[in-house]
Amino acid sequence: MDLGVVVGGDLRRLGGLARQVEDAGFESVWVAETARSAFVQAALACQSTSRITVGTNIALVFPRSPTITAMSARDLAELSEGRFILGLGSQVKRINEQRFGVAFEHPAPKMAEAVEVIREVLATFEGKPIDHRGRFYSVTMPPFPGAGSAPRPVPIYLAAVNARMAEAAGRCADGVMGHPMTSPEYVRQVLRPAIRRGAEASGRRGDDVNVTTGVILQVSEDRGEARREAAMQIGFYATTRTYRPVLEMHGFADRIEPLRRAFARQDLPEMIDVALPMVDALGVAGTVEECRDRLAAYEGVADRVILGGAWVGPSEDRIAANHRSILQAFAPAG
């Protein structure tokens, strides 16, 4: 099982964080699209490293033209000399409509078509024509000339929580990215079977699709502190209805509405109290030894696990300390 690490924060320091992940011997380093652009962060990580795989976890699909996404992926593949993975995600309805002003329609088939267009645009850099006239996108003109093809094919991964998106990813993607609020059981019982169904429907094997998942990893010698921090992050994610199937599978559906009410009041202590019983099932939190035991449960279930700490709740100092603990405790070279 490969291990990657999420980096983020101040752009002036991000390159140094990526180098630390590489120097520690991790397989990959990943950037998210939350407060900052995924592609700008990925460019800094690519420029600052020389061996490690760099990926977006994730870059948003629907607010961008597939052509722009493909051009950005080609550029990052060039900058990294072929070390780049394009991880894409749909995000949820409210964020697409209220933050980015774009329609949220039929996300799984639209995502699959976006991947198709991105691959067709990437092929234009090799001199192939494009004439895509689909259900959601029409692209009949290649980018301007002047940029060559990527050093090697760009792997495309799709973020998937629910079975329908995982099936779509199985049909069209090189890999699937599971959500950080997850469990080995969810990956095994929901994601992998859905990926296999999608892959087989397109004439592929399920094993042809890399299964990558994030985890919420909070490390502290004060295990109570680590668990409270993980609970806050889990509680934040659980307010989003898209993630309900994960909660239902683990028997936590009754906690969704109390969490939503507490979030609306910005009652963070109440959110932590409600979410605390969910930590053992949906997070990795505690001392180093406890976290190692919990993470070992993903062996044979996921091909890659991306380690990232809570980013809702902890202070900047705790976020930095947790990142250091992850590098020290889980570095393959250590």
C-alpha atoms as a PDB file:
ATOM      1  CA  MET A   1       0.000   0.000   0.000  1.00  0.00           C
ATOM      2  CA  ASP A   2       1.436   3.346  -1.073  1.00  0.00           C
ATOM      3  CA  LEU A   3       1.261   6.339   1.253  1.00  0.00           C
ATOM      4  CA  GLY A   4       0.764   9.927   0.192  1.00  0.00           C
ATOM      5  CA  VAL A   5       0.499  13.134   2.222  1.00  0.00           C
ATOM      6  CA  VAL A   6      -1.643  16.239   1.765  1.00  0.00           C
ATOM      7  CA  VAL A   7       0.075  19.630   1.915  1.00  0.00           C
ATOM      8  CA  GLY A   8      -1.470  23.083   1.895  1.00  0.00           C
ATOM      9  CA  GLY A   9      -1.535  26.474   3.529  1.00  0.00           C
ATOM     10  CA  ASP A  10       0.614  29.522   2.776  1.00  0.00           C
ATOM     11  CA  LEU A  11       1.786  29.278  -0.837  1.00  0.00           C
ATOM     12  CA  ARG A  12       5.164  30.707   0.071  1.00  0.00           C
ATOM     13  CA  ARG A  13       5.854  27.642   2.205  1.00  0.00           C
ATOM     14  CA  LEU A  14       4.058  24.971   0.212  1.00  0.00           C
ATOM     15  CA  GLY A  15       7.046  24.029  -1.936  1.00  0.00           C
ATOM     16  CA  GLY A  16       9.109  23.378   1.162  1.00  0.00           C
ATOM     17  CA  LEU A  17       6.371  21.175   2.619  1.00  0.00           C
ATOM     18  CA  ALA A  18       6.258  19.148  -0.595  1.00  0.00           C
ATOM     19  CA  ARG A  19      10.041  18.675  -0.461  1.00  0.00           C
ATOM     20  CA  GLN A  20       9.769  17.427   3.126  1.00  0.00           C
ATOM     21  CA  VAL A  21       7.233  14.805   2.038  1.00  0.00           C
ATOM     22  CA  GLU A  22       9.542  13.708  -0.779  1.00  0.00           C
ATOM     23  CA  ASP A  23      12.611  13.627   1.468  1.00  0.00           C
ATOM     24  CA  ALA A  24      10.722  11.499   4.003  1.00  0.00           C
ATOM     25  CA  GLY A  25      10.218   8.829   1.336  1.00  0.00           C
ATOM     26  CA  PHE A  26       6.468   9.026   0.747  1.00  0.00           C
ATOM     27  CA  GLU A  27       5.137   7.850  -2.604  1.00  0.00           C
ATOM     28  CA  SER A  28       3.083  10.955  -3.408  1.00  0.00           C
ATOM     29  CA  VAL A  29       2.118  14.462  -2.321  1.00  0.00           C
ATOM     30  CA  TRP A  30      -1.360  15.913  -2.833  1.00  0.00           C
ATOM     31  CA  VAL A  31      -3.017  19.328  -2.840  1.00  0.00           C
ATOM     32  CA  ALA A  32      -6.689  20.145  -2.290  1.00  0.00           C
ATOM     33  CA  GLU A  33      -8.920  22.837  -3.770  1.00  0.00           C
ATOM     34  CA  THR A  34     -10.486  24.536  -0.788  1.00  0.00           C
ATOM     35  CA  ALA A  35      -9.173  28.028   0.007  1.00  0.00           C
ATOM     36  CA  ARG A  36      -6.564  27.925  -2.778  1.00  0.00           C
ATOM     37  CA  SER A  37      -6.434  26.797  -6.392  1.00  0.00           C
ATOM     38  CA  ALA A  38      -5.421  23.168  -6.841  1.00  0.00           C
ATOM     39  CA  PHE A  39      -3.413  23.842  -9.991  1.00  0.00           C
ATOM     40  CA  VAL A  40      -1.361  26.707  -8.522  1.00  0.00           C
ATOM     41  CA  GLN A  41      -0.518  24.556  -5.505  1.00  0.00           C
ATOM     42  CA  ALA A  42       0.314  21.583  -7.730  1.00  0.00           C
ATOM     43  CA  ALA A  43       2.651  23.753  -9.798  1.00  0.00           C
ATOM     44  CA  LEU A  44       4.558  24.735  -6.664  1.00  0.00           C
ATOM     45  CA  ALA A  45       4.780  21.109  -5.529  1.00  0.00           C
ATOM     46  CA  CYS A  46       5.959  19.958  -8.970  1.00  0.00           C
ATOM     47  CA  GLN A  47       8.570  22.709  -9.187  1.00  0.00           C
ATOM     48  CA  SER A  48       9.906  21.989  -5.693  1.00  0.00           C
ATOM     49  CA  THR A  49      10.317  18.217  -6.056  1.00  0.00           C
ATOM     50  CA  SER A  50      12.085  15.852  -8.429  1.00  0.00           C
ATOM     51  CA  ARG A  51      10.970  12.268  -7.707  1.00  0.00           C
ATOM     52  CA  ILE A  52       7.635  12.135  -5.926  1.00  0.00           C
ATOM     53  CA  THR A  53       4.239  11.829  -7.633  1.00  0.00           C
ATOM     54  CA  VAL A  54       2.179  15.031  -7.375  1.00  0.00           C
ATOM     55  CA  GLY A  55      -1.617  14.937  -7.524  1.00  0.00           C
ATOM     56  CA  THR A  56      -4.688  17.101  -7.089  1.00  0.00           C
ATOM     57  CA  ASN A  57      -7.052  15.821  -4.425  1.00  0.00           C
ATOM     58  CA  ILE A  58      -9.134  17.215  -5.901  1.00  0.00           C
ATOM     59  CA  ALA A  59      -9.469  19.823  -8.663  1.00  0.00           C
ATOM     60  CA  LEU A  60     -13.040  20.906  -9.336  1.00  0.00           C
ATOM     61  CA  VAL A  61     -14.489  19.850 -12.682  1.00  0.00           C
ATOM     62  CA  PHE A  62     -17.748  21.670 -13.266  1.00  0.00           C
ATOM     63  CA  PRO A  63     -16.619  25.296 -12.667  1.00  0.00           C
ATOM     64  CA  ARG A  64     -13.935  24.817 -15.362  1.00  0.00           C
ATOM     65  CA  SER A  65     -14.056  24.064 -19.047  1.00  0.00           C
ATOM     66  CA  PRO A  66     -12.653  20.570 -19.723  1.00  0.00           C
ATOM     67  CA  THR A  67     -10.276  22.236 -22.180  1.00  0.00           C
ATOM     68  CA  ILE A  68      -8.815  24.478 -19.467  1.00  0.00           C
ATOM     69  CA  THR A  69      -8.501  21.468 -17.179  1.00  0.00           C
ATOM     70  CA  ALA A  70      -6.708  19.475 -19.874  1.00  0.00           C
ATOM     71  CA  MET A  71      -4.339  22.354 -20.641  1.00  0.00           C
ATOM     72  CA  SER A  72      -3.516  22.740 -16.946  1.00  0.00           C
ATOM     73  CA  ALA A  73      -2.900  18.984 -16.628  1.00  0.00           C
ATOM     74  CA  ARG A  74      -0.605  18.999 -19.656  1.00  0.00           C
ATOM     75  CA  ASP A  75       1.364  21.908 -18.201  1.00  0.00           C
ATOM     76  CA  LEU A  76       1.740  20.183 -14.837  1.00  0.00           C
ATOM     77  CA  ALA A  77       2.823  16.963 -16.526  1.00  0.00           C
ATOM     78  CA  GLU A  78       5.487  18.944 -18.383  1.00  0.00           C
ATOM     79  CA  LEU A  79       6.605  20.783 -15.250  1.00  0.00           C
ATOM     80  CA  SER A  80       6.883  17.531 -13.274  1.00  0.00           C
ATOM     81  CA  GLU A  81       8.399  15.543 -16.154  1.00  0.00           C
ATOM     82  CA  GLY A  82       5.513  13.086 -16.078  1.00  0.00           C
ATOM     83  CA  ARG A  83       4.933  12.804 -12.304  1.00  0.00           C
ATOM     84  CA  PHE A  84       1.465  14.380 -12.236  1.00  0.00           C
ATOM     85  CA  ILE A  85      -1.915  12.747 -11.464  1.00  0.00           C
ATOM     86  CA  LEU A  86      -5.049  14.699 -12.314  1.00  0.00           C
ATOM     87  CA  GLY A  87      -7.489  14.037  -9.483  1.00  0.00           C
ATOM     88  CA  LEU A  88     -10.933  15.460 -10.241  1.00  0.00           C
ATOM     89  CA  GLY A  89     -14.086  15.894  -8.212  1.00  0.00           C
ATOM     90  CA  SER A  90     -17.609  17.174  -8.629  1.00  0.00           C
ATOM     91  CA  GLN A  91     -18.080  18.775  -5.192  1.00  0.00           C
ATOM     92  CA  VAL A  92     -21.661  19.051  -3.962  1.00  0.00           C
ATOM     93  CA  LYS A  93     -24.683  20.861  -5.398  1.00  0.00           C
ATOM     94  CA  ARG A  94     -24.701  23.817  -3.011  1.00  0.00           C
ATOM     95  CA  ILE A  95     -21.037  24.659  -3.542  1.00  0.00           C
ATOM     96  CA  ASN A  96     -21.306  24.472  -7.333  1.00  0.00           C
ATOM     97  CA  GLU A  97     -24.382  26.650  -7.449  1.00  0.00           C
ATOM     98  CA  GLN A  98     -23.749  29.144  -4.646  1.00  0.00           C
ATOM     99  CA  ARG A  99     -19.961  29.444  -4.665  1.00  0.00           C
ATOM    100  CA  PHE A 100     -19.156  29.029  -8.345  1.00  0.00           C
ATOM    101  CA  GLY A 101     -22.417  29.950 -10.031  1.00  0.00           C
ATOM    102  CA  VAL A 102     -22.608  26.845 -12.207  1.00  0.00           C
ATOM    103  CA  ALA A 103     -25.398  24.331 -12.683  1.00  0.00           C
ATOM    104  CA  PHE A 104     -25.181  21.000 -10.895  1.00  0.00           C
ATOM    105  CA  GLU A 105     -26.816  18.510 -13.215  1.00  0.00           C
ATOM    106  CA  HIS A 106     -26.492  14.735 -13.575  1.00  0.00           C
ATOM    107  CA  PRO A 107     -23.065  14.721 -11.890  1.00  0.00           C
ATOM    108  CA  ALA A 108     -21.958  11.142 -12.666  1.00  0.00           C
ATOM    109  CA  PRO A 109     -22.622  11.157 -16.441  1.00  0.00           C
ATOM    110  CA  LYS A 110     -21.408  14.747 -16.750  1.00  0.00           C
ATOM    111  CA  MET A 111     -18.200  13.843 -14.926  1.00  0.00           C
ATOM    112  CA  ALA A 112     -17.661  10.864 -17.223  1.00  0.00           C
ATOM    113  CA  GLU A 113     -18.097  13.050 -20.294  1.00  0.00           C
ATOM    114  CA  ALA A 114     -15.723  15.662 -18.867  1.00  0.00           C
ATOM    115  CA  VAL A 115     -13.060  12.964 -18.527  1.00  0.00           C
ATOM    116  CA  GLU A 116     -13.671  11.960 -22.142  1.00  0.00           C
ATOM    117  CA  VAL A 117     -13.223  15.564 -23.333  1.00  0.00           C
ATOM    118  CA  ILE A 118     -10.105  16.072 -21.211  1.00  0.00           C
ATOM    119  CA  ARG A 119      -8.518  13.003 -22.771  1.00  0.00           C
ATOM    120  CA  GLU A 120      -9.496  14.171 -26.261  1.00  0.00           C
ATOM    121  CA  VAL A 121      -7.970  17.613 -25.625  1.00  0.00           C
ATOM    122  CA  LEU A 122      -4.773  16.036 -24.282  1.00  0.00           C
ATOM    123  CA  ALA A 123      -4.620  14.008 -27.498  1.00  0.00           C
ATOM    124  CA  THR A 124      -4.678  17.212 -29.566  1.00  0.00           C
ATOM    125  CA  PHE A 125      -1.210  18.012 -28.208  1.00  0.00           C
ATOM    126  CA  GLU A 126      -0.096  14.858 -30.032  1.00  0.00           C
ATOM    127  CA  GLY A 127      -1.573  16.207 -33.249  1.00  0.00           C
ATOM    128  CA  LYS A 128      -4.949  14.444 -33.150  1.00  0.00           C
ATOM    129  CA  PRO A 129      -8.117  16.341 -34.168  1.00  0.00           C
ATOM    130  CA  ILE A 130     -11.043  16.946 -31.826  1.00  0.00           C
ATOM    131  CA  ASP A 131     -14.727  16.932 -32.680  1.00  0.00           C
ATOM    132  CA  HIS A 132     -16.633  16.327 -29.473  1.00  0.00           C
ATOM    133  CA  ARG A 133     -20.380  16.962 -29.575  1.00  0.00           C
ATOM    134  CA  GLY A 134     -21.834  15.400 -26.460  1.00  0.00           C
ATOM    135  CA  ARG A 135     -24.700  15.697 -24.003  1.00  0.00           C
ATOM    136  CA  PHE A 136     -22.971  18.292 -21.820  1.00  0.00           C
ATOM    137  CA  TYR A 137     -19.964  19.555 -23.775  1.00  0.00           C
ATOM    138  CA  SER A 138     -19.187  20.577 -27.334  1.00  0.00           C
ATOM    139  CA  VAL A 139     -15.495  21.080 -28.145  1.00  0.00           C
ATOM    140  CA  THR A 140     -14.471  21.172 -31.796  1.00  0.00           C
ATOM    141  CA  MET A 141     -11.348  23.373 -31.718  1.00  0.00           C
ATOM    142  CA  PRO A 142      -7.976  22.387 -30.227  1.00  0.00           C
ATOM    143  CA  PRO A 143      -5.855  24.714 -28.075  1.00  0.00           C
ATOM    144  CA  PHE A 144      -3.451  27.079 -29.820  1.00  0.00           C
ATOM    145  CA  PRO A 145      -0.330  25.366 -31.204  1.00  0.00           C
ATOM    146  CA  GLY A 146       3.010  25.701 -29.473  1.00  0.00           C
ATOM    147  CA  ALA A 147       2.896  23.152 -26.657  1.00  0.00           C
ATOM    148  CA  GLY A 148       3.967  19.556 -27.175  1.00  0.00           C
ATOM    149  CA  SER A 149       2.421  16.434 -25.759  1.00  0.00           C
ATOM    150  CA  ALA A 150       2.781  15.490 -22.110  1.00  0.00           C
ATOM    151  CA  PRO A 151       5.925  13.462 -21.283  1.00  0.00           C
ATOM    152  CA  ARG A 152       3.675  10.465 -20.605  1.00  0.00           C
ATOM    153  CA  PRO A 153      -0.082   9.849 -20.375  1.00  0.00           C
ATOM    154  CA  VAL A 154      -1.710  11.802 -17.542  1.00  0.00           C
ATOM    155  CA  PRO A 155      -3.583   9.458 -15.143  1.00  0.00           C
ATOM    156  CA  ILE A 156      -7.057  10.741 -14.327  1.00  0.00           C
ATOM    157  CA  TYR A 157      -8.639   9.859 -10.976  1.00  0.00           C
ATOM    158  CA  LEU A 158     -12.197  10.655  -9.942  1.00  0.00           C
ATOM    159  CA  ALA A 159     -13.376  11.389  -6.415  1.00  0.00           C
ATOM    160  CA  ALA A 160     -16.262   9.130  -5.451  1.00  0.00           C
ATOM    161  CA  VAL A 161     -18.300   8.744  -2.285  1.00  0.00           C
ATOM    162  CA  ASN A 162     -21.448   7.096  -3.539  1.00  0.00           C
ATOM    163  CA  ALA A 163     -21.785   3.974  -5.648  1.00  0.00           C
ATOM    164  CA  ARG A 164     -23.029   5.727  -8.787  1.00  0.00           C
ATOM    165  CA  MET A 165     -19.975   7.973  -9.064  1.00  0.00           C
ATOM    166  CA  ALA A 166     -17.689   5.034  -8.232  1.00  0.00           C
ATOM    167  CA  GLU A 167     -19.262   3.065 -11.084  1.00  0.00           C
ATOM    168  CA  ALA A 168     -18.704   6.006 -13.433  1.00  0.00           C
ATOM    169  CA  ALA A 169     -15.094   6.159 -12.317  1.00  0.00           C
ATOM    170  CA  GLY A 170     -14.733   2.430 -12.916  1.00  0.00           C
ATOM    171  CA  ARG A 171     -15.927   2.945 -16.485  1.00  0.00           C
ATOM    172  CA  CYS A 172     -13.722   5.867 -17.457  1.00  0.00           C
ATOM    173  CA  ALA A 173     -10.974   6.691 -14.952  1.00  0.00           C
ATOM    174  CA  ASP A 174      -7.515   5.390 -14.118  1.00  0.00           C
ATOM    175  CA  GLY A 175      -8.192   5.659 -10.409  1.00  0.00           C
ATOM    176  CA  VAL A 176     -10.778   6.445  -7.761  1.00  0.00           C
ATOM    177  CA  MET A 177     -10.252   8.789  -4.823  1.00  0.00           C
ATOM    178  CA  GLY A 178     -12.261   7.931  -1.734  1.00  0.00           C
ATOM    179  CA  HIS A 179     -13.346  10.642   0.676  1.00  0.00           C
ATOM    180  CA  PRO A 180     -11.311  11.201   3.874  1.00  0.00           C
ATOM    181  CA  MET A 181     -14.381  10.490   6.011  1.00  0.00           C
ATOM    182  CA  THR A 182     -14.375   6.790   5.287  1.00  0.00           C
ATOM    183  CA  SER A 183     -13.430   3.376   6.618  1.00  0.00           C
ATOM    184  CA  PRO A 184     -11.822   0.172   5.344  1.00  0.00           C
ATOM    185  CA  GLU A 185     -15.282  -1.400   5.464  1.00  0.00           C
ATOM    186  CA  TYR A 186     -16.794   1.283   3.240  1.00  0.00           C
ATOM    187  CA  VAL A 187     -13.995   0.973   0.696  1.00  0.00           C
ATOM    188  CA  ARG A 188     -14.316  -2.810   0.691  1.00  0.00           C
ATOM    189  CA  GLN A 189     -18.092  -3.128   0.698  1.00  0.00           C
ATOM    190  CA  VAL A 190     -19.224  -0.109  -1.341  1.00  0.00           C
ATOM    191  CA  LEU A 191     -16.465   1.483  -3.398  1.00  0.00           C
ATOM    192  CA  ARG A 192     -14.637  -1.574  -4.715  1.00  0.00           C
ATOM    193  CA  PRO A 193     -17.768  -3.468  -5.873  1.00  0.00           C
ATOM    194  CA  ALA A 194     -19.068  -0.324  -7.613  1.00  0.00           C
ATOM    195  CA  ILE A 195     -15.708   0.288  -9.280  1.00  0.00           C
ATOM    196  CA  ARG A 196     -15.656  -3.322 -10.440  1.00  0.00           C
ATOM    197  CA  ARG A 197     -19.153  -3.044 -11.927  1.00  0.00           C
ATOM    198  CA  GLY A 198     -18.195   0.078 -13.842  1.00  0.00           C
ATOM    199  CA  ALA A 199     -14.906  -1.338 -15.055  1.00  0.00           C
ATOM    200  CA  GLU A 200     -16.447  -4.592 -16.251  1.00  0.00           C
ATOM    201  CA  ALA A 201     -19.212  -2.677 -18.049  1.00  0.00           C
ATOM    202  CA  SER A 202     -16.510  -0.963 -20.106  1.00  0.00           C
ATOM    203  CA  GLY A 203     -14.557  -4.144 -20.789  1.00  0.00           C
ATOM    204  CA  ARG A 204     -11.936  -3.644 -18.107  1.00  0.00           C
ATOM    205  CA  ARG A 205     -11.041  -5.428 -14.895  1.00  0.00           C
ATOM    206  CA  GLY A 206     -11.663  -3.845 -11.523  1.00  0.00           C
ATOM    207  CA  ASP A 207      -7.964  -4.199 -10.766  1.00  0.00           C
ATOM    208  CA  ASP A 208      -7.217  -1.867 -13.693  1.00  0.00           C
ATOM    209  CA  VAL A 209      -8.501   1.020 -11.560  1.00  0.00           C
ATOM    210  CA  ASN A 210      -6.303   2.295  -8.739  1.00  0.00           C
ATOM    211  CA  VAL A 211      -8.214   2.648  -5.455  1.00  0.00           C
ATOM    212  CA  THR A 212      -6.904   5.593  -3.472  1.00  0.00           C
ATOM    213  CA  THR A 213      -8.577   6.952  -0.365  1.00  0.00           C
ATOM    214  CA  GLY A 214      -7.908   9.769   2.036  1.00  0.00           C
ATOM    215  CA  VAL A 215      -8.099   9.479   5.806  1.00  0.00           C
ATOM    216  CA  ILE A 216      -8.545  11.976   8.615  1.00  0.00           C
ATOM    217  CA  LEU A 217      -5.363  11.385  10.610  1.00  0.00           C
ATOM    218  CA  GLN A 218      -4.850  13.174  13.923  1.00  0.00           C
ATOM    219  CA  VAL A 219      -1.805  12.226  15.991  1.00  0.00           C
ATOM    220  CA  SER A 220      -1.106  13.333  19.555  1.00  0.00           C
ATOM    221  CA  GLU A 221       0.247  11.847  22.751  1.00  0.00           C
ATOM    222  CA  ASP A 222      -2.887  13.395  24.222  1.00  0.00           C
ATOM    223  CA  ARG A 223      -5.280  10.943  22.585  1.00  0.00           C
ATOM    224  CA  GLY A 224      -8.280  12.940  23.781  1.00  0.00           C
ATOM    225  CA  GLU A 225      -7.012  15.985  21.934  1.00  0.00           C
ATOM    226  CA  ALA A 226      -6.487  13.987  18.734  1.00  0.00           C
ATOM    227  CA  ARG A 227      -9.946  12.434  18.941  1.00  0.00           C
ATOM    228  CA  ARG A 228     -11.680  15.776  19.538  1.00  0.00           C
ATOM    229  CA  GLU A 229      -9.897  17.287  16.550  1.00  0.00           C
ATOM    230  CA  ALA A 230     -10.891  14.370  14.333  1.00  0.00           C
ATOM    231  CA  ALA A 231     -14.462  14.586  15.659  1.00  0.00           C
ATOM    232  CA  MET A 232     -14.720  18.231  14.616  1.00  0.00           C
ATOM    233  CA  GLN A 233     -13.633  17.409  11.071  1.00  0.00           C
ATOM    234  CA  ILE A 234     -15.969  14.410  10.840  1.00  0.00           C
ATOM    235  CA  GLY A 235     -18.830  16.502  12.207  1.00  0.00           C
ATOM    236  CA  PHE A 236     -18.180  19.179   9.588  1.00  0.00           C
ATOM    237  CA  TYR A 237     -18.237  16.651   6.740  1.00  0.00           C
ATOM    238  CA  ALA A 238     -21.314  14.902   8.147  1.00  0.00           C
ATOM    239  CA  THR A 239     -23.431  18.047   7.763  1.00  0.00           C
ATOM    240  CA  THR A 240     -23.365  17.471   3.982  1.00  0.00           C
ATOM    241  CA  ARG A 241     -26.162  15.189   2.778  1.00  0.00           C
ATOM    242  CA  THR A 242     -23.993  13.707   0.018  1.00  0.00           C
ATOM    243  CA  TYR A 243     -22.059  11.762   2.643  1.00  0.00           C
ATOM    244  CA  ARG A 244     -25.159  10.227   4.222  1.00  0.00           C
ATOM    245  CA  PRO A 245     -24.521   6.705   2.793  1.00  0.00           C
ATOM    246  CA  VAL A 246     -21.202   6.520   4.666  1.00  0.00           C
ATOM    247  CA  LEU A 247     -22.909   7.467   7.908  1.00  0.00           C
ATOM    248  CA  GLU A 248     -25.835   5.131   7.335  1.00  0.00           C
ATOM    249  CA  MET A 249     -23.581   2.160   6.749  1.00  0.00           C
ATOM    250  CA  HIS A 250     -21.950   2.724  10.129  1.00  0.00           C
ATOM    251  CA  GLY A 251     -25.197   3.405  12.004  1.00  0.00           C
ATOM    252  CA  PHE A 252     -24.725   7.166  12.406  1.00  0.00           C
ATOM    253  CA  ALA A 253     -27.597   8.532  10.310  1.00  0.00           C
ATOM    254  CA  ASP A 254     -29.339   9.760  13.474  1.00  0.00           C
ATOM    255  CA  ARG A 255     -26.462  12.171  14.113  1.00  0.00           C
ATOM    256  CA  ILE A 256     -26.797  14.103  10.849  1.00  0.00           C
ATOM    257  CA  GLU A 257     -29.584  16.480  11.890  1.00  0.00           C
ATOM    258  CA  PRO A 258     -28.133  17.235  15.361  1.00  0.00           C
ATOM    259  CA  LEU A 259     -24.851  18.057  13.638  1.00  0.00           C
ATOM    260  CA  ARG A 260     -26.577  20.285  11.090  1.00  0.00           C
ATOM    261  CA  ARG A 261     -28.414  22.165  13.851  1.00  0.00           C
ATOM    262  CA  ALA A 262     -25.217  22.621  15.875  1.00  0.00           C
ATOM    263  CA  PHE A 263     -23.354  23.775  12.743  1.00  0.00           C
ATOM    264  CA  ALA A 264     -26.080  26.333  11.979  1.00  0.00           C
ATOM    265  CA  ARG A 265     -25.580  27.736  15.515  1.00  0.00           C
ATOM    266  CA  GLN A 266     -21.800  27.476  15.136  1.00  0.00           C
ATOM    267  CA  ASP A 267     -21.845  25.446  18.331  1.00  0.00           C
ATOM    268  CA  LEU A 268     -18.523  23.712  17.767  1.00  0.00           C
ATOM    269  CA  PRO A 269     -18.317  22.014  21.197  1.00  0.00           C
ATOM    270  CA  GLU A 270     -21.722  20.437  20.548  1.00  0.00           C
ATOM    271  CA  MET A 271     -20.577  19.254  17.115  1.00  0.00           C
ATOM    272  CA  ILE A 272     -17.558  17.596  18.709  1.00  0.00           C
ATOM    273  CA  ASP A 273     -19.710  15.884  21.340  1.00  0.00           C
ATOM    274  CA  VAL A 274     -22.139  14.558  18.720  1.00  0.00           C
ATOM    275  CA  ALA A 275     -19.377  13.360  16.386  1.00  0.00           C
ATOM    276  CA  LEU A 276     -17.005  11.893  18.992  1.00  0.00           C
ATOM    277  CA  PRO A 277     -18.551   8.371  18.890  1.00  0.00           C
ATOM    278  CA  MET A 278     -17.923   8.352  15.113  1.00  0.00           C
ATOM    279  CA  VAL A 279     -14.153   8.789  15.345  1.00  0.00           C
ATOM    280  CA  ASP A 280     -13.189   5.145  15.753  1.00  0.00           C
ATOM    281  CA  ALA A 281     -15.225   4.165  12.692  1.00  0.00           C
ATOM    282  CA  LEU A 282     -14.544   7.103  10.359  1.00  0.00           C
ATOM    283  CA  GLY A 283     -11.173   8.507  11.373  1.00  0.00           C
ATOM    284  CA  VAL A 284      -7.671   7.623  12.489  1.00  0.00           C
ATOM    285  CA  ALA A 285      -6.896   9.418  15.737  1.00  0.00           C
ATOM    286  CA  GLY A 286      -4.890   8.947  18.899  1.00  0.00           C
ATOM    287  CA  THR A 287      -1.312   8.142  19.780  1.00  0.00           C
ATOM    288  CA  VAL A 288       1.193   7.068  17.135  1.00  0.00           C
ATOM    289  CA  GLU A 289       0.731   3.409  18.038  1.00  0.00           C
ATOM    290  CA  GLU A 290      -3.064   3.646  17.877  1.00  0.00           C
ATOM    291  CA  CYS A 291      -2.937   5.392  14.519  1.00  0.00           C
ATOM    292  CA  ARG A 292      -0.538   2.815  13.071  1.00  0.00           C
ATOM    293  CA  ASP A 293      -2.871  -0.001  14.117  1.00  0.00           C
ATOM    294  CA  ARG A 294      -5.877   1.743  12.602  1.00  0.00           C
ATOM    295  CA  LEU A 295      -4.090   2.579   9.356  1.00  0.00           C
ATOM    296  CA  ALA A 296      -2.944  -1.022   8.967  1.00  0.00           C
ATOM    297  CA  ALA A 297      -6.610  -1.982   8.428  1.00  0.00           C
ATOM    298  CA  TYR A 298      -6.381  -0.409   4.946  1.00  0.00           C
ATOM    299  CA  GLU A 299      -3.720  -2.890   3.820  1.00  0.00           C
ATOM    300  CA  GLY A 300      -5.152  -5.009   1.025  1.00  0.00           C
ATOM    301  CA  VAL A 301      -8.212  -2.750   0.830  1.00  0.00           C
ATOM    302  CA  ALA A 302      -6.765   0.391  -0.772  1.00  0.00           C
ATOM    303  CA  ASP A 303      -3.879   0.687  -3.210  1.00  0.00           C
ATOM    304  CA  ARG A 304      -2.931   4.060  -1.781  1.00  0.00           C
ATOM    305  CA  VAL A 305      -3.887   5.990   1.347  1.00  0.00           C
ATOM    306  CA  ILE A 306      -3.465   9.757   1.476  1.00  0.00           C
ATOM    307  CA  LEU A 307      -2.689  11.005   4.971  1.00  0.00           C
ATOM    308  CA  GLY A 308      -4.131  14.363   5.917  1.00  0.00           C
ATOM    309  CA  GLY A 309      -5.069  16.009   9.166  1.00  0.00           C
ATOM    310  CA  ALA A 310      -8.166  17.899  10.237  1.00  0.00           C
ATOM    311  CA  TRP A 311      -8.343  21.410   8.828  1.00  0.00           C
ATOM    312  CA  VAL A 312     -11.588  22.558  10.463  1.00  0.00           C
ATOM    313  CA  GLY A 313     -11.066  23.424  14.107  1.00  0.00           C
ATOM    314  CA  PRO A 314      -7.399  22.960  15.071  1.00  0.00           C
ATOM    315  CA  SER A 315      -5.147  25.989  15.465  1.00  0.00           C
ATOM    316  CA  GLU A 316      -2.443  26.669  12.889  1.00  0.00           C
ATOM    317  CA  ASP A 317       0.118  25.431  15.399  1.00  0.00           C
ATOM    318  CA  ARG A 318      -1.745  22.138  15.873  1.00  0.00           C
ATOM    319  CA  ILE A 319      -2.159  21.691  12.121  1.00  0.00           C
ATOM    320  CA  ALA A 320       1.599  22.146  11.683  1.00  0.00           C
ATOM    321  CA  ALA A 321       2.416  19.853  14.615  1.00  0.00           C
ATOM    322  CA  ASN A 322       0.109  17.145  13.286  1.00  0.00           C
ATOM    323  CA  HIS A 323       1.749  17.361   9.872  1.00  0.00           C
ATOM    324  CA  ARG A 324       5.180  16.932  11.453  1.00  0.00           C
ATOM    325  CA  SER A 325       3.913  13.951  13.432  1.00  0.00           C
ATOM    326  CA  ILE A 326       2.588  12.332  10.257  1.00  0.00           C
ATOM    327  CA  LEU A 327       5.951  12.726   8.510  1.00  0.00           C
ATOM    328  CA  GLN A 328       7.859  11.360  11.488  1.00  0.00           C
ATOM    329  CA  ALA A 329       5.559   8.454  12.345  1.00  0.00           C
ATOM    330  CA  PHE A 330       4.563   7.184   8.917  1.00  0.00           C
ATOM    331  CA  ALA A 331       7.520   7.965   6.662  1.00  0.00           C
ATOM    332  CA  PRO A 332       8.377   4.823   4.618  1.00  0.00           C
ATOM    333  CA  ALA A 333      12.050   5.755   4.865  1.00  0.00           C
ATOM    334  CA  GLY A 334      11.862   6.032   8.645  1.00  0.00           C
END
